[in-house]
Amino acid sequence: MKKGKEDKIPKPLLVINNFILVIGSIAVIVGLLLFVKYMIELDDKYNSNATALIHKNINNEVISCEIPNGTYKTIYDKQFSDYPEFIFEITDDSLFTEEQRFKIERSEYGTFSIEYPEINQDSLTDFQKTLHNYSKDNFYRITTCNGNYYKFENMVNLHITISTGTFIKLN
């Protein structure tokens, strides 16, 4: 090489390099736009009234269902068959039995809890107080839904199950 002369990159190679950079940038932008479009469709799917009752994972498998307003009959599974069957009605944030109205709080992924009224615990034994405290914190988790049948788990936490069964929608 001669002194004082700079190495020059051939012009066709610079054009090809610029072309590759432009195509790559366009591909990234198009990919980003498609991803945003997909996320908006996914958000609309789970916020629409028609599909908000069923939560699915990315593989389209049902994770859980939400129980809609209506009248239900409770049937417990075999191991809880000595529990009494009963009929209740859910209307938005309320659960009605023949005797009482309870406020319910709906949570994510098909769970809801019933807010029971406070009771005077002065005359209760320690064991009864413990049972009452468990019942205040329990929740129902709808595990599967098939038409008018909603399988549920009544739980204190993720490790302690109080009962399992099916809510059958009557109307």
C-alpha atoms as a PDB file:
ATOM      1  CA  MET A   1       0.000   0.000   0.000  1.00  0.00           C
ATOM      2  CA  LYS A   2       1.046   3.473  -0.697  1.00  0.00           C
ATOM      3  CA  LYS A   3       1.342   6.020   2.026  1.00  0.00           C
ATOM      4  CA  GLY A   4      -1.370   8.698   2.166  1.00  0.00           C
ATOM      5  CA  LYS A   5      -3.994   6.738   0.302  1.00  0.00           C
ATOM      6  CA  GLU A   6      -7.062   5.637   2.257  1.00  0.00           C
ATOM      7  CA  ASP A   7      -8.705   2.269   1.837  1.00  0.00           C
ATOM      8  CA  LYS A   8     -11.951   2.687  -0.038  1.00  0.00           C
ATOM      9  CA  ILE A   9     -14.979   0.390   0.254  1.00  0.00           C
ATOM     10  CA  PRO A  10     -16.411  -0.353  -3.152  1.00  0.00           C
ATOM     11  CA  LYS A  11     -19.589   1.609  -3.832  1.00  0.00           C
ATOM     12  CA  PRO A  12     -21.712  -1.478  -4.778  1.00  0.00           C
ATOM     13  CA  LEU A  13     -20.899  -3.037  -1.391  1.00  0.00           C
ATOM     14  CA  LEU A  14     -22.056   0.133   0.423  1.00  0.00           C
ATOM     15  CA  VAL A  15     -25.322   0.117  -1.556  1.00  0.00           C
ATOM     16  CA  ILE A  16     -25.949  -3.536  -0.651  1.00  0.00           C
ATOM     17  CA  ASN A  17     -25.164  -2.796   3.016  1.00  0.00           C
ATOM     18  CA  ASN A  18     -27.596   0.164   3.076  1.00  0.00           C
ATOM     19  CA  PHE A  19     -30.250  -1.946   1.331  1.00  0.00           C
ATOM     20  CA  ILE A  20     -29.896  -4.692   3.980  1.00  0.00           C
ATOM     21  CA  LEU A  21     -30.177  -2.134   6.810  1.00  0.00           C
ATOM     22  CA  VAL A  22     -33.324  -0.586   5.304  1.00  0.00           C
ATOM     23  CA  ILE A  23     -34.981  -3.993   4.730  1.00  0.00           C
ATOM     24  CA  GLY A  24     -34.082  -5.107   8.279  1.00  0.00           C
ATOM     25  CA  SER A  25     -35.494  -1.900   9.786  1.00  0.00           C
ATOM     26  CA  ILE A  26     -38.723  -2.282   7.822  1.00  0.00           C
ATOM     27  CA  ALA A  27     -39.024  -5.919   8.964  1.00  0.00           C
ATOM     28  CA  VAL A  28     -38.608  -4.895  12.628  1.00  0.00           C
ATOM     29  CA  ILE A  29     -41.244  -2.153  12.290  1.00  0.00           C
ATOM     30  CA  VAL A  30     -43.717  -4.487  10.531  1.00  0.00           C
ATOM     31  CA  GLY A  31     -43.117  -7.162  13.189  1.00  0.00           C
ATOM     32  CA  LEU A  32     -43.722  -4.623  15.957  1.00  0.00           C
ATOM     33  CA  LEU A  33     -46.947  -3.445  14.309  1.00  0.00           C
ATOM     34  CA  LEU A  34     -48.195  -7.041  13.941  1.00  0.00           C
ATOM     35  CA  PHE A  35     -47.365  -7.745  17.586  1.00  0.00           C
ATOM     36  CA  VAL A  36     -49.261  -4.652  18.740  1.00  0.00           C
ATOM     37  CA  LYS A  37     -52.235  -5.639  16.562  1.00  0.00           C
ATOM     38  CA  TYR A  38     -52.197  -9.145  18.085  1.00  0.00           C
ATOM     39  CA  MET A  39     -52.079  -7.742  21.632  1.00  0.00           C
ATOM     40  CA  ILE A  40     -55.034  -5.439  20.899  1.00  0.00           C
ATOM     41  CA  GLU A  41     -57.048  -8.377  19.508  1.00  0.00           C
ATOM     42  CA  LEU A  42     -56.159 -10.471  22.550  1.00  0.00           C
ATOM     43  CA  ASP A  43     -57.195  -7.656  24.875  1.00  0.00           C
ATOM     44  CA  ASP A  44     -60.493  -7.205  23.020  1.00  0.00           C
ATOM     45  CA  LYS A  45     -61.123 -10.949  23.169  1.00  0.00           C
ATOM     46  CA  TYR A  46     -60.846 -11.075  26.957  1.00  0.00           C
ATOM     47  CA  ASN A  47     -62.730  -7.834  27.532  1.00  0.00           C
ATOM     48  CA  SER A  48     -65.700  -8.582  25.290  1.00  0.00           C
ATOM     49  CA  ASN A  49     -68.930  -9.720  26.933  1.00  0.00           C
ATOM     50  CA  ALA A  50     -69.126 -12.866  24.829  1.00  0.00           C
ATOM     51  CA  THR A  51     -65.784 -14.320  25.863  1.00  0.00           C
ATOM     52  CA  ALA A  52     -64.977 -12.690  29.197  1.00  0.00           C
ATOM     53  CA  LEU A  53     -66.503 -15.613  31.097  1.00  0.00           C
ATOM     54  CA  ILE A  54     -63.843 -18.073  29.973  1.00  0.00           C
ATOM     55  CA  HIS A  55     -60.134 -17.488  30.591  1.00  0.00           C
ATOM     56  CA  LYS A  56     -57.762 -19.349  28.295  1.00  0.00           C
ATOM     57  CA  ASN A  57     -54.006 -19.628  28.168  1.00  0.00           C
ATOM     58  CA  ILE A  58     -51.863 -19.093  25.086  1.00  0.00           C
ATOM     59  CA  ASN A  59     -52.530 -22.675  23.915  1.00  0.00           C
ATOM     60  CA  ASN A  60     -56.296 -21.998  23.971  1.00  0.00           C
ATOM     61  CA  GLU A  61     -56.790 -24.298  26.982  1.00  0.00           C
ATOM     62  CA  VAL A  62     -59.428 -23.196  29.491  1.00  0.00           C
ATOM     63  CA  ILE A  63     -57.802 -21.965  32.704  1.00  0.00           C
ATOM     64  CA  SER A  64     -60.982 -21.019  34.543  1.00  0.00           C
ATOM     65  CA  CYS A  65     -64.490 -19.676  34.075  1.00  0.00           C
ATOM     66  CA  GLU A  66     -66.467 -16.940  35.747  1.00  0.00           C
ATOM     67  CA  ILE A  67     -69.948 -17.699  36.996  1.00  0.00           C
ATOM     68  CA  PRO A  68     -72.506 -15.364  35.384  1.00  0.00           C
ATOM     69  CA  ASN A  69     -75.674 -13.942  36.933  1.00  0.00           C
ATOM     70  CA  GLY A  70     -78.447 -16.495  37.361  1.00  0.00           C
ATOM     71  CA  THR A  71     -80.065 -19.056  39.647  1.00  0.00           C
ATOM     72  CA  TYR A  72     -78.041 -22.141  40.573  1.00  0.00           C
ATOM     73  CA  LYS A  73     -78.439 -25.441  42.357  1.00  0.00           C
ATOM     74  CA  THR A  74     -75.430 -26.695  44.301  1.00  0.00           C
ATOM     75  CA  ILE A  75     -74.579 -30.385  44.118  1.00  0.00           C
ATOM     76  CA  TYR A  76     -71.532 -31.542  46.059  1.00  0.00           C
ATOM     77  CA  ASP A  77     -69.116 -34.245  44.914  1.00  0.00           C
ATOM     78  CA  LYS A  78     -69.284 -37.754  46.393  1.00  0.00           C
ATOM     79  CA  GLN A  79     -66.839 -37.117  49.267  1.00  0.00           C
ATOM     80  CA  PHE A  80     -68.999 -34.150  50.382  1.00  0.00           C
ATOM     81  CA  SER A  81     -72.364 -35.805  49.741  1.00  0.00           C
ATOM     82  CA  ASP A  82     -73.496 -35.216  53.332  1.00  0.00           C
ATOM     83  CA  TYR A  83     -73.447 -31.437  52.665  1.00  0.00           C
ATOM     84  CA  PRO A  84     -76.948 -30.096  51.963  1.00  0.00           C
ATOM     85  CA  GLU A  85     -77.881 -29.132  48.421  1.00  0.00           C
ATOM     86  CA  PHE A  86     -79.198 -25.610  48.099  1.00  0.00           C
ATOM     87  CA  ILE A  87     -80.377 -23.100  45.526  1.00  0.00           C
ATOM     88  CA  PHE A  88     -79.019 -19.570  45.284  1.00  0.00           C
ATOM     89  CA  GLU A  89     -79.119 -16.648  42.896  1.00  0.00           C
ATOM     90  CA  ILE A  90     -76.239 -14.423  41.828  1.00  0.00           C
ATOM     91  CA  THR A  91     -76.982 -10.906  40.646  1.00  0.00           C
ATOM     92  CA  ASP A  92     -73.883  -8.803  39.949  1.00  0.00           C
ATOM     93  CA  ASP A  93     -72.281  -8.374  43.397  1.00  0.00           C
ATOM     94  CA  SER A  94     -74.949 -10.173  45.449  1.00  0.00           C
ATOM     95  CA  LEU A  95     -75.740 -13.777  46.302  1.00  0.00           C
ATOM     96  CA  PHE A  96     -79.285 -14.540  47.457  1.00  0.00           C
ATOM     97  CA  THR A  97     -80.458 -17.618  49.333  1.00  0.00           C
ATOM     98  CA  GLU A  98     -84.001 -18.194  50.601  1.00  0.00           C
ATOM     99  CA  GLU A  99     -83.094 -16.592  53.921  1.00  0.00           C
ATOM    100  CA  GLN A 100     -80.390 -14.013  53.230  1.00  0.00           C
ATOM    101  CA  ARG A 101     -78.567 -11.733  50.856  1.00  0.00           C
ATOM    102  CA  PHE A 102     -74.767 -11.773  50.850  1.00  0.00           C
ATOM    103  CA  LYS A 103     -72.355  -9.463  49.129  1.00  0.00           C
ATOM    104  CA  ILE A 104     -69.866 -11.250  46.875  1.00  0.00           C
ATOM    105  CA  GLU A 105     -66.536 -10.048  45.625  1.00  0.00           C
ATOM    106  CA  ARG A 106     -65.448 -11.350  42.256  1.00  0.00           C
ATOM    107  CA  SER A 107     -61.751 -11.756  41.645  1.00  0.00           C
ATOM    108  CA  GLU A 108     -59.645 -12.761  38.672  1.00  0.00           C
ATOM    109  CA  TYR A 109     -59.869 -16.083  36.898  1.00  0.00           C
ATOM    110  CA  GLY A 110     -63.223 -17.315  38.090  1.00  0.00           C
ATOM    111  CA  THR A 111     -62.931 -16.855  41.830  1.00  0.00           C
ATOM    112  CA  PHE A 112     -65.373 -15.154  44.140  1.00  0.00           C
ATOM    113  CA  SER A 113     -65.745 -14.826  47.876  1.00  0.00           C
ATOM    114  CA  ILE A 114     -68.813 -14.265  50.016  1.00  0.00           C
ATOM    115  CA  GLU A 115     -68.759 -11.524  52.610  1.00  0.00           C
ATOM    116  CA  TYR A 116     -70.520 -12.987  55.632  1.00  0.00           C
ATOM    117  CA  PRO A 117     -71.983 -10.688  58.290  1.00  0.00           C
ATOM    118  CA  GLU A 118     -70.055 -10.308  61.517  1.00  0.00           C
ATOM    119  CA  ILE A 119     -71.260 -12.423  64.429  1.00  0.00           C
ATOM    120  CA  ASN A 120     -70.704 -12.063  68.139  1.00  0.00           C
ATOM    121  CA  GLN A 121     -67.939 -14.530  69.020  1.00  0.00           C
ATOM    122  CA  ASP A 122     -68.088 -14.108  72.792  1.00  0.00           C
ATOM    123  CA  SER A 123     -70.048 -17.324  73.353  1.00  0.00           C
ATOM    124  CA  LEU A 124     -68.035 -19.399  70.873  1.00  0.00           C
ATOM    125  CA  THR A 125     -65.337 -21.901  71.821  1.00  0.00           C
ATOM    126  CA  ASP A 126     -61.830 -21.464  70.436  1.00  0.00           C
ATOM    127  CA  PHE A 127     -62.484 -24.203  67.904  1.00  0.00           C
ATOM    128  CA  GLN A 128     -65.709 -22.520  66.737  1.00  0.00           C
ATOM    129  CA  LYS A 129     -63.887 -19.192  66.460  1.00  0.00           C
ATOM    130  CA  THR A 130     -61.213 -20.837  64.300  1.00  0.00           C
ATOM    131  CA  LEU A 131     -63.854 -22.386  62.041  1.00  0.00           C
ATOM    132  CA  HIS A 132     -65.611 -19.036  61.750  1.00  0.00           C
ATOM    133  CA  ASN A 133     -62.352 -17.297  60.825  1.00  0.00           C
ATOM    134  CA  TYR A 134     -61.711 -19.912  58.122  1.00  0.00           C
ATOM    135  CA  SER A 135     -65.174 -19.384  56.676  1.00  0.00           C
ATOM    136  CA  LYS A 136     -64.569 -15.615  56.475  1.00  0.00           C
ATOM    137  CA  ASP A 137     -61.500 -16.129  54.280  1.00  0.00           C
ATOM    138  CA  ASN A 138     -62.733 -18.909  52.026  1.00  0.00           C
ATOM    139  CA  PHE A 139     -63.427 -18.454  48.338  1.00  0.00           C
ATOM    140  CA  TYR A 140     -64.990 -20.345  45.463  1.00  0.00           C
ATOM    141  CA  ARG A 141     -62.948 -21.123  42.378  1.00  0.00           C
ATOM    142  CA  ILE A 142     -64.756 -22.172  39.207  1.00  0.00           C
ATOM    143  CA  THR A 143     -62.466 -24.789  37.678  1.00  0.00           C
ATOM    144  CA  THR A 144     -64.385 -25.848  34.574  1.00  0.00           C
ATOM    145  CA  CYS A 145     -67.520 -24.773  32.810  1.00  0.00           C
ATOM    146  CA  ASN A 146     -69.557 -26.733  30.329  1.00  0.00           C
ATOM    147  CA  GLY A 147     -72.841 -25.157  29.285  1.00  0.00           C
ATOM    148  CA  ASN A 148     -74.856 -24.653  32.472  1.00  0.00           C
ATOM    149  CA  TYR A 149     -72.510 -26.745  34.645  1.00  0.00           C
ATOM    150  CA  TYR A 150     -69.805 -25.018  36.678  1.00  0.00           C
ATOM    151  CA  LYS A 151     -67.404 -27.232  38.659  1.00  0.00           C
ATOM    152  CA  PHE A 152     -66.201 -25.456  41.787  1.00  0.00           C
ATOM    153  CA  GLU A 153     -63.759 -25.760  44.640  1.00  0.00           C
ATOM    154  CA  ASN A 154     -64.541 -24.033  47.934  1.00  0.00           C
ATOM    155  CA  MET A 155     -61.141 -23.276  49.446  1.00  0.00           C
ATOM    156  CA  VAL A 156     -59.567 -21.514  52.407  1.00  0.00           C
ATOM    157  CA  ASN A 157     -56.311 -21.116  50.488  1.00  0.00           C
ATOM    158  CA  LEU A 158     -54.613 -22.942  47.657  1.00  0.00           C
ATOM    159  CA  HIS A 159     -53.792 -25.883  49.950  1.00  0.00           C
ATOM    160  CA  ILE A 160     -56.977 -26.393  51.977  1.00  0.00           C
ATOM    161  CA  THR A 161     -60.178 -27.411  50.196  1.00  0.00           C
ATOM    162  CA  ILE A 162     -63.453 -27.183  52.112  1.00  0.00           C
ATOM    163  CA  SER A 163     -65.646 -28.765  49.449  1.00  0.00           C
ATOM    164  CA  THR A 164     -66.000 -29.445  45.736  1.00  0.00           C
ATOM    165  CA  GLY A 165     -69.024 -29.848  43.538  1.00  0.00           C
ATOM    166  CA  THR A 166     -71.046 -28.414  40.692  1.00  0.00           C
ATOM    167  CA  PHE A 167     -73.205 -25.332  40.342  1.00  0.00           C
ATOM    168  CA  ILE A 168     -75.999 -26.062  37.860  1.00  0.00           C
ATOM    169  CA  LYS A 169     -77.572 -23.008  36.270  1.00  0.00           C
ATOM    170  CA  LEU A 170     -81.354 -23.312  36.406  1.00  0.00           C
ATOM    171  CA  ASN A 171     -82.439 -20.346  34.278  1.00  0.00           C
END
